[in-house]
C-alpha atoms as a PDB file:
ATOM      1  CA  UNK A   1      15.748   1.418-143.134  1.00  0.00           C
ATOM      2  CA  UNK A   2      18.801  -0.451-141.946  1.00  0.00           C
ATOM      3  CA  UNK A   3      20.248   1.173-138.821  1.00  0.00           C
ATOM      4  CA  UNK A   4      23.561   0.880-136.972  1.00  0.00           C
ATOM      5  CA  UNK A   5      23.326   1.945-133.325  1.00  0.00           C
ATOM      6  CA  UNK A   6      26.923   2.911-132.481  1.00  0.00           C
ATOM      7  CA  UNK A   7      27.791   2.825-128.804  1.00  0.00           C
ATOM      8  CA  UNK A   8      24.559   1.029-127.972  1.00  0.00           C
ATOM      9  CA  UNK A   9      25.761   0.198-124.470  1.00  0.00           C
ATOM     10  CA  UNK A  10      25.873  -3.020-122.514  1.00  0.00           C
ATOM     11  CA  UNK A  11      22.178  -3.847-122.807  1.00  0.00           C
ATOM     12  CA  UNK A  12      21.424  -2.307-126.211  1.00  0.00           C
ATOM     13  CA  UNK A  13      18.036  -1.161-125.010  1.00  0.00           C
ATOM     14  CA  UNK A  14      17.691   1.501-127.711  1.00  0.00           C
ATOM     15  CA  UNK A  15      18.772  -0.934-130.416  1.00  0.00           C
ATOM     16  CA  UNK A  16      16.089  -3.369-129.337  1.00  0.00           C
ATOM     17  CA  UNK A  17      13.462  -0.621-129.393  1.00  0.00           C
ATOM     18  CA  UNK A  18      14.564   0.442-132.890  1.00  0.00           C
ATOM     19  CA  UNK A  19      13.624  -2.989-134.239  1.00  0.00           C
ATOM     20  CA  UNK A  20       9.949  -2.033-133.909  1.00  0.00           C
ATOM     21  CA  UNK A  21      10.386   0.418-136.823  1.00  0.00           C
ATOM     22  CA  UNK A  22      13.624  -0.436-138.628  1.00  0.00           C
ATOM     23  CA  UNK A  23      14.055  -3.112-141.278  1.00  0.00           C
ATOM     24  CA  UNK A  24      17.204  -4.286-139.480  1.00  0.00           C
ATOM     25  CA  UNK A  25      19.361  -2.975-136.600  1.00  0.00           C
ATOM     26  CA  UNK A  26      23.028  -3.539-135.849  1.00  0.00           C
ATOM     27  CA  UNK A  27      23.791  -2.987-132.148  1.00  0.00           C
ATOM     28  CA  UNK A  28      27.482  -2.016-132.123  1.00  0.00           C
ATOM     29  CA  UNK A  29      29.546  -1.670-128.953  1.00  0.00           C
ATOM     30  CA  UNK A  30      32.658  -3.282-127.484  1.00  0.00           C
ATOM     31  CA  UNK A  31      30.745  -3.871-124.227  1.00  0.00           C
ATOM     32  CA  UNK A  32      27.389  -5.029-125.577  1.00  0.00           C
ATOM     33  CA  UNK A  33      26.082  -8.206-123.975  1.00  0.00           C
ATOM     34  CA  UNK A  34      23.219  -9.759-125.947  1.00  0.00           C
ATOM     35  CA  UNK A  35      22.190 -11.853-122.925  1.00  0.00           C
ATOM     36  CA  UNK A  36      21.150  -8.632-121.178  1.00  0.00           C
ATOM     37  CA  UNK A  37      18.935  -7.245-123.953  1.00  0.00           C
ATOM     38  CA  UNK A  38      15.525  -6.184-122.704  1.00  0.00           C
ATOM     39  CA  UNK A  39      12.266  -7.597-123.992  1.00  0.00           C
ATOM     40  CA  UNK A  40       9.916  -4.937-122.647  1.00  0.00           C
ATOM     41  CA  UNK A  41       8.665  -3.607-125.974  1.00  0.00           C
ATOM     42  CA  UNK A  42       5.905  -5.785-127.403  1.00  0.00           C
ATOM     43  CA  UNK A  43       6.434  -4.181-130.829  1.00  0.00           C
ATOM     44  CA  UNK A  44      10.133  -5.072-130.952  1.00  0.00           C
ATOM     45  CA  UNK A  45      11.406  -7.735-133.341  1.00  0.00           C
ATOM     46  CA  UNK A  46      14.481  -9.557-131.989  1.00  0.00           C
ATOM     47  CA  UNK A  47      14.844 -11.273-135.378  1.00  0.00           C
ATOM     48  CA  UNK A  48      15.719  -7.850-136.860  1.00  0.00           C
ATOM     49  CA  UNK A  49      18.635  -7.334-134.463  1.00  0.00           C
ATOM     50  CA  UNK A  50      22.259  -8.302-134.954  1.00  0.00           C
ATOM     51  CA  UNK A  51      24.724  -7.703-132.131  1.00  0.00           C
ATOM     52  CA  UNK A  52      28.239  -6.594-133.095  1.00  0.00           C
ATOM     53  CA  UNK A  53      30.486  -6.895-130.048  1.00  0.00           C
ATOM     54  CA  UNK A  54      33.430  -4.996-131.481  1.00  0.00           C
ATOM     55  CA  UNK A  55      34.876  -1.549-132.103  1.00  0.00           C
ATOM     56  CA  UNK A  56      32.671   0.696-134.217  1.00  0.00           C
ATOM     57  CA  UNK A  57      35.701   1.211-136.468  1.00  0.00           C
ATOM     58  CA  UNK A  58      35.587  -2.480-137.414  1.00  0.00           C
ATOM     59  CA  UNK A  59      31.979  -2.122-138.527  1.00  0.00           C
ATOM     60  CA  UNK A  60      32.056  -1.469-142.267  1.00  0.00           C
ATOM     61  CA  UNK A  61      28.641  -2.501-143.585  1.00  0.00           C
ATOM     62  CA  UNK A  62      26.795   0.229-145.447  1.00  0.00           C
ATOM     63  CA  UNK A  63      23.558   1.234-143.674  1.00  0.00           C
ATOM     64  CA  UNK A  64      20.879   3.829-144.210  1.00  0.00           C
ATOM     65  CA  UNK A  65      21.297   5.458-140.788  1.00  0.00           C
ATOM     66  CA  UNK A  66      23.935   5.519-138.049  1.00  0.00           C
ATOM     67  CA  UNK A  67      22.724   6.542-134.618  1.00  0.00           C
ATOM     68  CA  UNK A  68      25.338   7.676-132.100  1.00  0.00           C
ATOM     69  CA  UNK A  69      23.644   8.770-128.888  1.00  0.00           C
ATOM     70  CA  UNK A  70      26.055  10.162-126.302  1.00  0.00           C
ATOM     71  CA  UNK A  71      29.085   8.721-128.146  1.00  0.00           C
ATOM     72  CA  UNK A  72      30.707  11.811-129.669  1.00  0.00           C
ATOM     73  CA  UNK A  73      32.162  13.059-126.360  1.00  0.00           C
ATOM     74  CA  UNK A  74      33.901   9.700-125.775  1.00  0.00           C
ATOM     75  CA  UNK A  75      35.895   9.791-129.024  1.00  0.00           C
ATOM     76  CA  UNK A  76      39.617  10.531-128.775  1.00  0.00           C
ATOM     77  CA  UNK A  77      39.645  11.507-132.464  1.00  0.00           C
ATOM     78  CA  UNK A  78      36.234  12.905-133.438  1.00  0.00           C
ATOM     79  CA  UNK A  79      37.316  13.594-137.005  1.00  0.00           C
ATOM     80  CA  UNK A  80      38.256   9.942-137.498  1.00  0.00           C
ATOM     81  CA  UNK A  81      34.879   8.995-135.993  1.00  0.00           C
ATOM     82  CA  UNK A  82      32.931  11.363-138.271  1.00  0.00           C
ATOM     83  CA  UNK A  83      34.876  10.231-141.340  1.00  0.00           C
ATOM     84  CA  UNK A  84      34.101   6.595-140.574  1.00  0.00           C
ATOM     85  CA  UNK A  85      30.407   7.205-139.936  1.00  0.00           C
ATOM     86  CA  UNK A  86      30.069   9.227-143.164  1.00  0.00           C
ATOM     87  CA  UNK A  87      31.730   6.440-145.147  1.00  0.00           C
ATOM     88  CA  UNK A  88      29.097   3.857-144.200  1.00  0.00           C
ATOM     89  CA  UNK A  89      25.746   5.674-144.181  1.00  0.00           C
ATOM     90  CA  UNK A  90      23.346   8.044-145.902  1.00  0.00           C
ATOM     91  CA  UNK A  91      22.114   9.692-142.700  1.00  0.00           C
ATOM     92  CA  UNK A  92      23.275   9.995-139.115  1.00  0.00           C
ATOM     93  CA  UNK A  93      21.846  11.133-135.807  1.00  0.00           C
ATOM     94  CA  UNK A  94      24.340  12.425-133.244  1.00  0.00           C
ATOM     95  CA  UNK A  95      23.815  13.657-129.707  1.00  0.00           C
ATOM     96  CA  UNK A  96      26.297  15.096-127.237  1.00  0.00           C
ATOM     97  CA  UNK A  97      26.166  17.344-124.150  1.00  0.00           C
ATOM     98  CA  UNK A  98      26.181  21.066-124.912  1.00  0.00           C
ATOM     99  CA  UNK A  99      29.180  22.857-123.402  1.00  0.00           C
ATOM    100  CA  UNK A 100      29.766  26.592-123.244  1.00  0.00           C
ATOM    101  CA  UNK A 101      33.313  26.054-124.502  1.00  0.00           C
ATOM    102  CA  UNK A 102      34.772  22.891-125.976  1.00  0.00           C
ATOM    103  CA  UNK A 103      37.048  21.201-123.498  1.00  0.00           C
ATOM    104  CA  UNK A 104      37.558  18.707-120.709  1.00  0.00           C
ATOM    105  CA  UNK A 105      34.886  18.666-118.013  1.00  0.00           C
ATOM    106  CA  UNK A 106      34.450  16.991-114.646  1.00  0.00           C
ATOM    107  CA  UNK A 107      33.167  13.853-116.347  1.00  0.00           C
ATOM    108  CA  UNK A 108      36.198  11.517-116.398  1.00  0.00           C
ATOM    109  CA  UNK A 109      34.621   9.326-119.109  1.00  0.00           C
ATOM    110  CA  UNK A 110      34.404  12.199-121.601  1.00  0.00           C
ATOM    111  CA  UNK A 111      37.416  13.116-123.702  1.00  0.00           C
ATOM    112  CA  UNK A 112      35.846  16.508-124.511  1.00  0.00           C
ATOM    113  CA  UNK A 113      32.439  18.146-124.381  1.00  0.00           C
ATOM    114  CA  UNK A 114      31.596  20.430-127.303  1.00  0.00           C
ATOM    115  CA  UNK A 115      30.165  23.875-127.828  1.00  0.00           C
ATOM    116  CA  UNK A 116      27.396  24.101-130.437  1.00  0.00           C
ATOM    117  CA  UNK A 117      29.778  25.805-132.859  1.00  0.00           C
ATOM    118  CA  UNK A 118      32.532  23.209-132.520  1.00  0.00           C
ATOM    119  CA  UNK A 119      30.064  20.302-132.721  1.00  0.00           C
ATOM    120  CA  UNK A 120      28.644  21.738-135.957  1.00  0.00           C
ATOM    121  CA  UNK A 121      32.131  22.424-137.331  1.00  0.00           C
ATOM    122  CA  UNK A 122      33.179  18.786-136.937  1.00  0.00           C
ATOM    123  CA  UNK A 123      29.899  17.419-138.299  1.00  0.00           C
ATOM    124  CA  UNK A 124      29.933  19.626-141.393  1.00  0.00           C
ATOM    125  CA  UNK A 125      33.295  18.283-142.552  1.00  0.00           C
ATOM    126  CA  UNK A 126      31.432  15.164-143.740  1.00  0.00           C
ATOM    127  CA  UNK A 127      27.731  15.902-143.280  1.00  0.00           C
ATOM    128  CA  UNK A 128      25.074  18.474-144.042  1.00  0.00           C
ATOM    129  CA  UNK A 129      23.090  19.201-140.907  1.00  0.00           C
ATOM    130  CA  UNK A 130      19.430  18.673-141.804  1.00  0.00           C
ATOM    131  CA  UNK A 131      18.008  19.587-138.399  1.00  0.00           C
ATOM    132  CA  UNK A 132      19.434  20.464-135.007  1.00  0.00           C
ATOM    133  CA  UNK A 133      17.549  20.713-131.741  1.00  0.00           C
ATOM    134  CA  UNK A 134      18.328  20.663-128.042  1.00  0.00           C
ATOM    135  CA  UNK A 135      16.979  18.536-125.235  1.00  0.00           C
ATOM    136  CA  UNK A 136      16.648  20.156-121.842  1.00  0.00           C
ATOM    137  CA  UNK A 137      16.894  18.311-118.535  1.00  0.00           C
ATOM    138  CA  UNK A 138      13.084  18.093-118.374  1.00  0.00           C
ATOM    139  CA  UNK A 139      13.251  16.119-121.673  1.00  0.00           C
ATOM    140  CA  UNK A 140      11.668  19.025-123.542  1.00  0.00           C
ATOM    141  CA  UNK A 141      12.929  19.652-127.067  1.00  0.00           C
ATOM    142  CA  UNK A 142      13.652  23.194-128.229  1.00  0.00           C
ATOM    143  CA  UNK A 143      15.294  24.927-131.183  1.00  0.00           C
ATOM    144  CA  UNK A 144      17.732  27.003-129.162  1.00  0.00           C
ATOM    145  CA  UNK A 145      19.394  26.510-125.791  1.00  0.00           C
ATOM    146  CA  UNK A 146      22.230  27.752-123.687  1.00  0.00           C
ATOM    147  CA  UNK A 147      24.675  25.406-121.965  1.00  0.00           C
ATOM    148  CA  UNK A 148      23.801  24.615-118.374  1.00  0.00           C
ATOM    149  CA  UNK A 149      26.995  23.209-116.932  1.00  0.00           C
ATOM    150  CA  UNK A 150      28.818  20.045-117.900  1.00  0.00           C
ATOM    151  CA  UNK A 151      27.257  16.617-118.262  1.00  0.00           C
ATOM    152  CA  UNK A 152      27.801  16.154-114.527  1.00  0.00           C
ATOM    153  CA  UNK A 153      25.244  18.887-113.914  1.00  0.00           C
ATOM    154  CA  UNK A 154      21.752  17.365-113.559  1.00  0.00           C
ATOM    155  CA  UNK A 155      20.360  20.242-115.632  1.00  0.00           C
ATOM    156  CA  UNK A 156      22.689  19.859-118.596  1.00  0.00           C
ATOM    157  CA  UNK A 157      21.468  20.308-122.156  1.00  0.00           C
ATOM    158  CA  UNK A 158      22.012  17.809-124.980  1.00  0.00           C
ATOM    159  CA  UNK A 159      22.468  18.897-128.600  1.00  0.00           C
ATOM    160  CA  UNK A 160      20.974  16.601-131.247  1.00  0.00           C
ATOM    161  CA  UNK A 161      21.703  16.724-134.978  1.00  0.00           C
ATOM    162  CA  UNK A 162      20.144  14.879-137.914  1.00  0.00           C
ATOM    163  CA  UNK A 163      22.654  14.840-140.747  1.00  0.00           C
ATOM    164  CA  UNK A 164      22.951  13.768-144.391  1.00  0.00           C
ATOM    165  CA  UNK A 165      26.281  12.392-145.551  1.00  0.00           C
ATOM    166  CA  UNK A 166      28.166  14.403-148.165  1.00  0.00           C
ATOM    167  CA  UNK A 167      29.672  11.219-149.618  1.00  0.00           C
ATOM    168  CA  UNK A 168      27.111  11.261-152.435  1.00  0.00           C
ATOM    169  CA  UNK A 169      25.342   7.969-151.728  1.00  0.00           C
ATOM    170  CA  UNK A 170      21.597   8.233-152.157  1.00  0.00           C
END
């Protein structure tokens, strides 16, 4: 599959790792620096990676999957973000910290952190949630979890959702 890794970060480590399985990977971030990409995965294929140093909203190529790990909480307009992602992909994988109540937290880099209900509500405007799980601080994955403080809390929980776009593209 062709994958767009939105918010891949400065070093695009995850994007590079994705090349070991994906047909092609776009590493998309305003701060990405291709000179810093890691080469620690012997199975990675740098020839399958294209760095897009720009806003994710300027990325308009249709892909099979958009991955947005720890990006949702940074978006000033999550509905605009979800609409854009749904317009360019068949599937998406989103993660974000799990909050008891949606709102501002101690993390100054996060616009909002979302409750499970509010996260699902935004996603389902454009996507069908195929699977949703939670990752605990010990990296264990479970089907149900309670919030454990904000993302500043070392024991915080992350919600992860695999989604299928409702835009009708197969």
